């Protein structure tokens, strides 16, 4: 076996892609910053009981675990940064008012989340703590849509759901935990024949409501249909009111929701209310995920309303339109020439890539990716466009 072969679904990121990812990372963090989101950097490893508190079974299965050689306790390699940020808000910042936090970093999954997906996503996201109203859901979703636009994805489809609808049906009818888990699974896959089998023997009203959920998928008319045909439980009415308010606010801002999906239960054991996902054309997997998760703060011993979203920078960067390459300038090796050093420093200060042609080796401008060259004319160092053979700048 070749020793340099990487594990399955783990891969290197080479220069062109790494450059695209890094530029996008900086742009999105700058976008978050001007909206008031402060960056935090949680550790890659934590004790498992801290890392998985309040996150549910799904994240537990994704988490690599190992024994700490110092303490003998079980450690986990983070599979999601969001719970770590919730811990930071609850125990380290300990603010009483609203906290807006953002983050970026690698996470590791024991198993890939989908076909051809990496086990080492590069996660970036934003979280808003301390506000339980629909206004914070609107802010977070608007920020996510702005981030997608900043990445050059103008026509993402945004799906909006609410786990409170399913939860209200389960609680009101006292469905046992095992049956609830089975219903959750078939609703996630929208397996209607399996759902019909599962609802057999349940209360007739509950069965009708559960069979209706997979059909409550589409435009804003879905909300009206849900009001007409779902049970008149206060929790369901509140959930539909919240979805309607979010849709109206984002439409006013020119960021309308494309689709409502009342059978969307992604992260059901983690999220507590609104959930949402964004999809790009031709891509089966979501490019951004988010929702409200008030219960996680409670699990950390400090109940805090919370809502946020996360994206995989690597997947997102693969969808961004190609940008024209910035010029790379080749400079001669002349360390004693003060004017040349000044010219190089001035160009690098503007963000221009300047590569010094080191002596003692054969190199071509093409191999170095240079489209310009610094040459001295009349005592001045000028950039020469190598394709046009003309001055491009000083």
Protein backbone atom coordinates (compact mmCIF):
# COMPACT_ATOMS: atom_id res chain seq x y z
CA UNK A 1 0.00 0.00 0.00
CA UNK A 2 1.27 3.46 -0.87
CA UNK A 3 1.91 5.34 2.34
CA UNK A 4 0.78 8.68 0.95
CA UNK A 5 -2.73 7.54 -0.03
CA UNK A 6 -5.38 9.38 1.99
CA UNK A 7 -8.43 7.77 3.66
CA UNK A 8 -11.67 7.55 1.71
CA UNK A 9 -13.59 10.83 1.38
CA UNK A 10 -10.53 12.78 2.59
CA UNK A 11 -8.58 14.83 0.08
CA UNK A 12 -5.97 17.52 -0.33
CA UNK A 13 -6.88 20.99 -1.56
CA UNK A 14 -4.46 22.19 -4.23
CA UNK A 15 -3.43 25.81 -4.97
CA UNK A 16 -6.14 27.02 -7.41
CA UNK A 17 -8.99 25.64 -5.29
CA UNK A 18 -7.33 26.65 -2.02
CA UNK A 19 -6.99 30.21 -3.32
CA UNK A 20 -10.68 30.31 -4.29
CA UNK A 21 -11.73 28.91 -0.89
CA UNK A 22 -9.55 31.34 1.04
CA UNK A 23 -10.79 34.39 -0.88
CA UNK A 24 -14.38 33.33 -0.26
CA UNK A 25 -13.67 32.72 3.44
CA UNK A 26 -12.33 36.26 3.84
CA UNK A 27 -15.23 37.81 1.96
CA UNK A 28 -17.87 35.98 4.01
CA UNK A 29 -16.20 36.73 7.35
CA UNK A 30 -16.04 40.40 6.31
CA UNK A 31 -19.75 40.24 5.43
CA UNK A 32 -20.57 38.77 8.83
CA UNK A 33 -18.38 41.35 10.58
CA UNK A 34 -20.14 44.36 9.06
CA UNK A 35 -23.44 42.86 10.24
CA UNK A 36 -22.12 42.81 13.80
CA UNK A 37 -21.09 39.14 14.06
CA UNK A 38 -17.93 38.57 16.12
CA UNK A 39 -15.63 35.70 15.21
CA UNK A 40 -14.82 32.89 17.65
CA UNK A 41 -12.39 29.97 17.21
CA UNK A 42 -13.44 26.85 19.17
CA UNK A 43 -10.96 23.96 19.58
CA UNK A 44 -10.86 20.95 17.28
CA UNK A 45 -11.14 18.53 20.24
CA UNK A 46 -13.40 18.55 23.29
CA UNK A 47 -14.59 16.09 25.90
CA UNK A 48 -17.41 14.11 24.33
CA UNK A 49 -19.97 15.01 27.00
CA UNK A 50 -19.40 18.70 26.28
CA UNK A 51 -19.19 18.35 22.52
CA UNK A 52 -22.41 16.37 22.14
CA UNK A 53 -24.57 17.91 24.87
CA UNK A 54 -28.06 18.51 23.54
CA UNK A 55 -27.20 17.65 19.94
CA UNK A 56 -29.03 14.36 19.48
CA UNK A 57 -28.11 10.91 18.16
CA UNK A 58 -27.27 11.96 14.57
CA UNK A 59 -24.24 14.04 15.54
CA UNK A 60 -23.05 11.34 17.92
CA UNK A 61 -22.79 8.89 15.01
CA UNK A 62 -20.78 11.41 12.97
CA UNK A 63 -18.24 12.09 15.72
CA UNK A 64 -14.80 10.47 15.86
CA UNK A 65 -13.94 9.52 19.44
CA UNK A 66 -10.60 8.82 21.11
CA UNK A 67 -9.15 8.54 24.61
CA UNK A 68 -7.23 11.51 26.03
CA UNK A 69 -3.75 10.26 26.99
CA UNK A 70 -3.53 12.89 29.75
CA UNK A 71 -6.87 12.56 31.56
CA UNK A 72 -8.05 9.15 30.36
CA UNK A 73 -11.41 10.71 29.42
CA UNK A 74 -13.15 10.32 26.08
CA UNK A 75 -12.53 13.08 23.54
CA UNK A 76 -14.43 13.87 20.39
CA UNK A 77 -13.25 15.50 17.16
CA UNK A 78 -15.89 18.07 16.35
CA UNK A 79 -18.35 17.14 13.61
CA UNK A 80 -20.17 20.47 13.88
CA UNK A 81 -18.97 23.80 15.26
CA UNK A 82 -22.43 25.12 16.17
CA UNK A 83 -22.71 23.34 19.56
CA UNK A 84 -19.26 24.66 20.49
CA UNK A 85 -20.35 28.21 19.75
CA UNK A 86 -23.46 27.66 21.89
CA UNK A 87 -21.18 26.56 24.74
CA UNK A 88 -19.02 29.67 24.30
CA UNK A 89 -22.10 31.89 24.42
CA UNK A 90 -23.49 30.12 27.47
CA UNK A 91 -20.40 29.79 29.62
CA UNK A 92 -17.54 32.00 28.41
CA UNK A 93 -19.16 35.18 27.08
CA UNK A 94 -22.10 34.90 29.48
CA UNK A 95 -23.80 37.98 28.03
CA UNK A 96 -27.33 38.83 29.11
CA UNK A 97 -28.37 40.48 25.85
CA UNK A 98 -28.07 39.55 22.20
CA UNK A 99 -24.81 37.97 21.00
CA UNK A 100 -23.93 37.64 17.33
CA UNK A 101 -21.11 35.18 16.65
CA UNK A 102 -19.51 33.70 13.54
CA UNK A 103 -16.86 31.05 12.93
CA UNK A 104 -14.98 29.01 10.38
CA UNK A 105 -12.91 25.84 10.64
CA UNK A 106 -12.58 22.21 9.62
CA UNK A 107 -14.88 19.55 11.04
CA UNK A 108 -14.50 15.79 10.71
CA UNK A 109 -17.24 13.25 10.02
CA UNK A 110 -16.93 9.55 10.81
CA UNK A 111 -19.10 8.89 7.74
CA UNK A 112 -19.77 11.12 4.70
CA UNK A 113 -23.08 12.99 4.78
CA UNK A 114 -23.92 12.11 1.20
CA UNK A 115 -22.67 10.77 -2.11
CA UNK A 116 -19.29 12.18 -3.12
CA UNK A 117 -19.18 14.46 -0.06
CA UNK A 118 -15.99 14.97 1.89
CA UNK A 119 -15.62 13.78 5.48
CA UNK A 120 -13.70 16.97 6.25
CA UNK A 121 -15.97 19.92 5.44
CA UNK A 122 -14.65 23.42 5.98
CA UNK A 123 -17.52 24.92 7.95
CA UNK A 124 -18.46 28.58 8.07
CA UNK A 125 -21.51 30.01 9.78
CA UNK A 126 -23.20 32.63 11.91
CA UNK A 127 -25.30 32.32 15.08
CA UNK A 128 -27.55 34.79 16.90
CA UNK A 129 -28.21 34.26 20.63
CA UNK A 130 -30.53 35.89 23.12
CA UNK A 131 -33.51 36.76 20.90
CA UNK A 132 -36.48 34.43 20.64
CA UNK A 133 -38.60 36.44 18.20
CA UNK A 134 -39.15 35.82 14.54
CA UNK A 135 -37.10 38.95 13.77
CA UNK A 136 -33.86 37.10 14.55
CA UNK A 137 -34.90 34.23 12.27
CA UNK A 138 -35.44 36.78 9.53
CA UNK A 139 -32.03 38.38 10.15
CA UNK A 140 -30.21 35.05 10.03
CA UNK A 141 -31.92 33.87 6.86
CA UNK A 142 -31.35 37.22 5.18
CA UNK A 143 -27.66 37.01 6.10
CA UNK A 144 -27.44 33.49 4.66
CA UNK A 145 -28.99 34.62 1.38
CA UNK A 146 -26.60 37.60 1.25
CA UNK A 147 -23.67 35.21 1.82
CA UNK A 148 -24.80 33.04 -1.10
CA UNK A 149 -25.06 36.13 -3.30
CA UNK A 150 -21.57 37.19 -2.20
CA UNK A 151 -20.36 33.76 -3.33
CA UNK A 152 -21.90 34.42 -6.74
CA UNK A 153 -24.86 32.08 -6.30
CA UNK A 154 -27.77 34.27 -7.33
CA UNK A 155 -30.50 31.71 -7.85
CA UNK A 156 -30.36 29.40 -4.85
CA UNK A 157 -33.66 27.81 -3.82
CA UNK A 158 -34.49 28.33 -0.15
CA UNK A 159 -36.79 25.79 1.55
CA UNK A 160 -38.41 26.68 4.87
CA UNK A 161 -40.00 24.34 7.39
CA UNK A 162 -40.90 24.12 11.07
CA UNK A 163 -40.27 21.10 13.30
CA UNK A 164 -42.92 22.42 15.69
CA UNK A 165 -45.71 21.09 13.46
CA UNK A 166 -44.59 17.45 13.75
CA UNK A 167 -43.64 17.89 17.40
CA UNK A 168 -47.08 19.28 18.28
CA UNK A 169 -48.77 16.29 16.65
CA UNK A 170 -46.56 13.86 18.57
CA UNK A 171 -47.02 15.56 21.95
CA UNK A 172 -50.77 16.13 21.61
CA UNK A 173 -51.44 12.48 20.76
CA UNK A 174 -48.88 11.04 23.19
CA UNK A 175 -47.01 9.03 20.56
CA UNK A 176 -44.41 6.79 22.15
CA UNK A 177 -40.75 7.53 21.47
CA UNK A 178 -40.02 4.48 19.29
CA UNK A 179 -43.03 5.12 17.01
CA UNK A 180 -42.12 8.80 16.86
CA UNK A 181 -38.58 7.92 15.71
CA UNK A 182 -39.94 5.64 12.97
CA UNK A 183 -42.35 8.33 11.76
CA UNK A 184 -39.52 10.85 11.72
CA UNK A 185 -37.40 8.59 9.52
CA UNK A 186 -40.08 7.96 6.87
CA UNK A 187 -41.10 11.61 6.77
CA UNK A 188 -37.48 12.60 6.17
CA UNK A 189 -37.35 10.34 3.10
CA UNK A 190 -40.97 11.17 2.16
CA UNK A 191 -41.65 7.44 1.88
CA UNK A 192 -45.45 7.64 1.72
CA UNK A 193 -46.13 3.87 1.39
CA UNK A 194 -44.04 3.22 4.53
CA UNK A 195 -45.80 6.12 6.25
CA UNK A 196 -49.20 4.57 5.48
CA UNK A 197 -48.10 1.37 7.19
CA UNK A 198 -46.79 3.22 10.24
CA UNK A 199 -49.93 5.30 10.83
CA UNK A 200 -52.16 2.22 10.79
CA UNK A 201 -53.70 1.92 14.25
CA UNK A 202 -53.04 5.55 15.19
CA UNK A 203 -55.80 8.06 15.93
CA UNK A 204 -57.60 8.82 12.66
CA UNK A 205 -57.03 12.58 12.93
CA UNK A 206 -53.33 12.10 13.60
CA UNK A 207 -53.00 9.65 10.74
CA UNK A 208 -54.64 12.10 8.30
CA UNK A 209 -52.35 14.91 9.45
CA UNK A 210 -49.19 12.82 9.11
CA UNK A 211 -50.16 11.62 5.63
CA UNK A 212 -50.80 15.23 4.65
CA UNK A 213 -47.36 16.52 5.72
CA UNK A 214 -45.38 15.18 2.70
CA UNK A 215 -47.90 16.91 0.40
CA UNK A 216 -47.48 20.27 2.16
CA UNK A 217 -44.61 21.23 -0.10
CA UNK A 218 -44.62 24.22 -2.45
CA UNK A 219 -45.24 27.95 -2.49
CA UNK A 220 -46.90 30.18 0.07
CA UNK A 221 -50.25 28.52 -0.67
CA UNK A 222 -48.96 25.57 1.38
CA UNK A 223 -49.46 27.61 4.53
CA UNK A 224 -53.12 28.26 3.72
CA UNK A 225 -53.68 24.60 2.96
CA UNK A 226 -52.03 23.65 6.26
CA UNK A 227 -54.33 26.01 8.19
CA UNK A 228 -57.37 24.41 6.54
CA UNK A 229 -56.46 20.75 6.95
CA UNK A 230 -54.10 20.32 9.91
CA UNK A 231 -55.51 20.04 13.47
CA UNK A 232 -56.20 23.40 15.09
CA UNK A 233 -53.54 23.07 17.77
CA UNK A 234 -52.15 26.36 19.13
CA UNK A 235 -48.57 25.19 18.54
CA UNK A 236 -49.29 24.49 14.87
CA UNK A 237 -50.99 27.88 14.43
CA UNK A 238 -47.95 29.59 15.99
CA UNK A 239 -45.58 27.69 13.69
CA UNK A 240 -47.56 28.69 10.59
CA UNK A 241 -47.71 32.32 11.78
CA UNK A 242 -43.92 32.35 12.13
CA UNK A 243 -43.39 30.89 8.65
CA UNK A 244 -45.78 33.44 7.18
CA UNK A 245 -44.03 36.36 8.93
CA UNK A 246 -40.59 35.22 7.74
CA UNK A 247 -41.82 34.80 4.18
CA UNK A 248 -43.43 38.25 4.11
CA UNK A 249 -40.37 40.01 5.55
CA UNK A 250 -37.88 38.34 3.19
CA UNK A 251 -40.15 38.99 0.19
CA UNK A 252 -40.23 42.69 1.11
CA UNK A 253 -36.42 42.65 1.14
CA UNK A 254 -36.30 40.96 -2.27
CA UNK A 255 -35.13 37.67 -0.73
CA UNK A 256 -38.32 35.64 -0.98
CA UNK A 257 -38.63 32.03 0.19
CA UNK A 258 -39.00 29.69 -2.79
CA UNK A 259 -40.58 26.74 -1.08
CA UNK A 260 -42.22 25.59 2.14
CA UNK A 261 -41.80 22.00 3.31
CA UNK A 262 -43.75 21.01 6.42
CA UNK A 263 -42.31 17.48 6.34
CA UNK A 264 -38.74 18.86 6.59
CA UNK A 265 -37.44 17.52 9.90
CA UNK A 266 -33.68 17.73 9.39
CA UNK A 267 -32.11 18.04 12.81
CA UNK A 268 -35.45 17.34 14.55
CA UNK A 269 -33.73 16.28 17.78
CA UNK A 270 -31.54 19.39 17.62
CA UNK A 271 -33.71 22.18 16.24
CA UNK A 272 -36.73 23.51 18.08
CA UNK A 273 -38.70 25.62 15.58
CA UNK A 274 -37.94 27.05 12.12
CA UNK A 275 -35.53 25.07 9.88
CA UNK A 276 -34.28 26.06 6.45
CA UNK A 277 -32.01 24.89 3.66
CA UNK A 278 -30.62 26.40 0.46
CA UNK A 279 -30.05 24.46 -2.76
CA UNK A 280 -28.16 25.35 -5.94
CA UNK A 281 -29.32 24.31 -9.38
CA UNK A 282 -28.16 20.85 -10.36
CA UNK A 283 -26.95 20.01 -6.84
CA UNK A 284 -28.85 17.34 -4.83
CA UNK A 285 -27.35 18.29 -1.47
CA UNK A 286 -28.08 21.49 0.45
CA UNK A 287 -25.38 24.17 0.21
CA UNK A 288 -26.52 25.87 3.44
CA UNK A 289 -28.50 24.65 6.44
CA UNK A 290 -29.89 26.36 9.49
CA UNK A 291 -32.67 26.88 11.96
CA UNK A 292 -33.63 27.70 15.52
CA UNK A 293 -32.16 25.55 18.29
CA UNK A 294 -33.21 27.06 21.63
CA UNK A 295 -32.91 23.74 23.48
CA UNK A 296 -29.13 23.48 23.03
CA UNK A 297 -28.48 26.45 25.32
CA UNK A 298 -30.78 24.86 27.89
CA UNK A 299 -28.72 21.67 27.72
CA UNK A 300 -25.63 23.69 28.61
CA UNK A 301 -27.33 24.91 31.77
CA UNK A 302 -28.20 28.38 30.46
CA UNK A 303 -31.36 28.63 28.41
CA UNK A 304 -30.73 31.02 25.51
CA UNK A 305 -32.81 31.45 22.35
CA UNK A 306 -30.59 30.68 19.38
CA UNK A 307 -30.77 30.63 15.59
CA UNK A 308 -28.11 30.30 12.93
CA UNK A 309 -26.85 28.70 9.73
CA UNK A 310 -23.81 26.87 8.46
CA UNK A 311 -22.22 26.23 5.06
CA UNK A 312 -19.36 24.12 3.71
CA UNK A 313 -16.83 26.50 2.19
CA UNK A 314 -15.33 23.81 -0.01
CA UNK A 315 -18.68 22.91 -1.56
CA UNK A 316 -19.62 26.57 -1.86
CA UNK A 317 -16.35 27.58 -3.52
CA UNK A 318 -16.83 24.86 -6.13
CA UNK A 319 -20.03 26.63 -7.21
CA UNK A 320 -18.65 30.16 -7.35
CA UNK A 321 -18.10 31.61 -10.82
CA UNK A 322 -14.52 31.66 -12.05
CA UNK A 323 -12.86 35.03 -11.66
CA UNK A 324 -10.25 36.40 -13.99
CA UNK A 325 -6.84 35.68 -12.53
CA UNK A 326 -5.05 38.62 -10.95
CA UNK A 327 -1.75 39.47 -12.64
CA UNK A 328 1.37 37.82 -11.22
CA UNK A 329 4.57 39.77 -11.71
CA UNK A 330 8.04 38.27 -12.21
CA UNK A 331 10.90 40.29 -10.68
CA UNK A 332 14.63 39.75 -11.22
CA UNK A 333 16.88 38.64 -8.37
CA UNK A 334 18.80 41.78 -7.36
CA UNK A 335 18.76 42.10 -3.55
CA UNK A 336 21.25 44.99 -3.59
CA UNK A 337 18.99 47.17 -5.75
CA UNK A 338 17.07 49.41 -3.34
CA UNK A 339 14.79 50.81 -6.05
CA UNK A 340 13.79 47.28 -7.07
CA UNK A 341 13.06 46.35 -3.44
CA UNK A 342 10.88 49.47 -3.14
CA UNK A 343 9.02 48.64 -6.36
CA UNK A 344 8.36 45.08 -5.19
CA UNK A 345 7.19 46.26 -1.74
CA UNK A 346 4.88 48.84 -3.31
CA UNK A 347 3.23 46.23 -5.57
CA UNK A 348 2.86 43.68 -2.78
CA UNK A 349 1.34 46.40 -0.61
CA UNK A 350 -1.50 46.68 -3.14
CA UNK A 351 -2.07 42.91 -3.07
CA UNK A 352 -0.24 42.15 -6.31
CA UNK A 353 1.65 38.86 -6.37
CA UNK A 354 5.34 39.44 -7.11
CA UNK A 355 7.61 36.40 -7.55
CA UNK A 356 11.36 36.88 -7.39
CA UNK A 357 13.15 34.75 -10.00
CA UNK A 358 15.71 32.97 -7.84
CA UNK A 359 19.08 32.30 -9.50
CA UNK A 360 20.56 28.89 -10.24
CA UNK A 361 17.56 27.15 -11.73
CA UNK A 362 15.71 26.92 -14.99
CA UNK A 363 12.22 28.41 -14.78
CA UNK A 364 9.75 29.78 -17.25
CA UNK A 365 7.31 32.59 -16.77
CA UNK A 366 4.53 30.19 -17.71
CA UNK A 367 5.52 27.70 -15.00
CA UNK A 368 5.46 30.49 -12.43
CA UNK A 369 2.11 31.71 -13.71
CA UNK A 370 3.43 35.21 -14.40
CA UNK A 371 1.76 37.44 -16.97
CA UNK A 372 3.92 40.49 -16.25
CA UNK A 373 7.58 41.22 -15.61
CA UNK A 374 9.40 44.01 -13.81
CA UNK A 375 12.02 45.61 -16.06
CA UNK A 376 14.12 48.70 -15.56
CA UNK A 377 13.77 51.51 -18.06
CA UNK A 378 15.25 54.99 -17.71
CA UNK A 379 15.98 54.32 -14.04
CA UNK A 380 12.42 53.20 -13.23
CA UNK A 381 11.05 49.72 -12.62
CA UNK A 382 8.02 49.14 -14.85
CA UNK A 383 5.57 46.28 -15.29
CA UNK A 384 5.61 44.85 -18.80
CA UNK A 385 2.64 42.84 -20.05
CA UNK A 386 4.32 39.74 -21.45
CA UNK A 387 1.56 38.95 -23.92
CA UNK A 388 1.25 42.42 -25.38
CA UNK A 389 4.86 43.45 -24.76
CA UNK A 390 3.76 46.84 -23.48
CA UNK A 391 3.95 48.79 -20.25
CA UNK A 392 1.20 47.75 -17.83
CA UNK A 393 1.99 49.97 -14.86
CA UNK A 394 4.68 51.19 -12.51
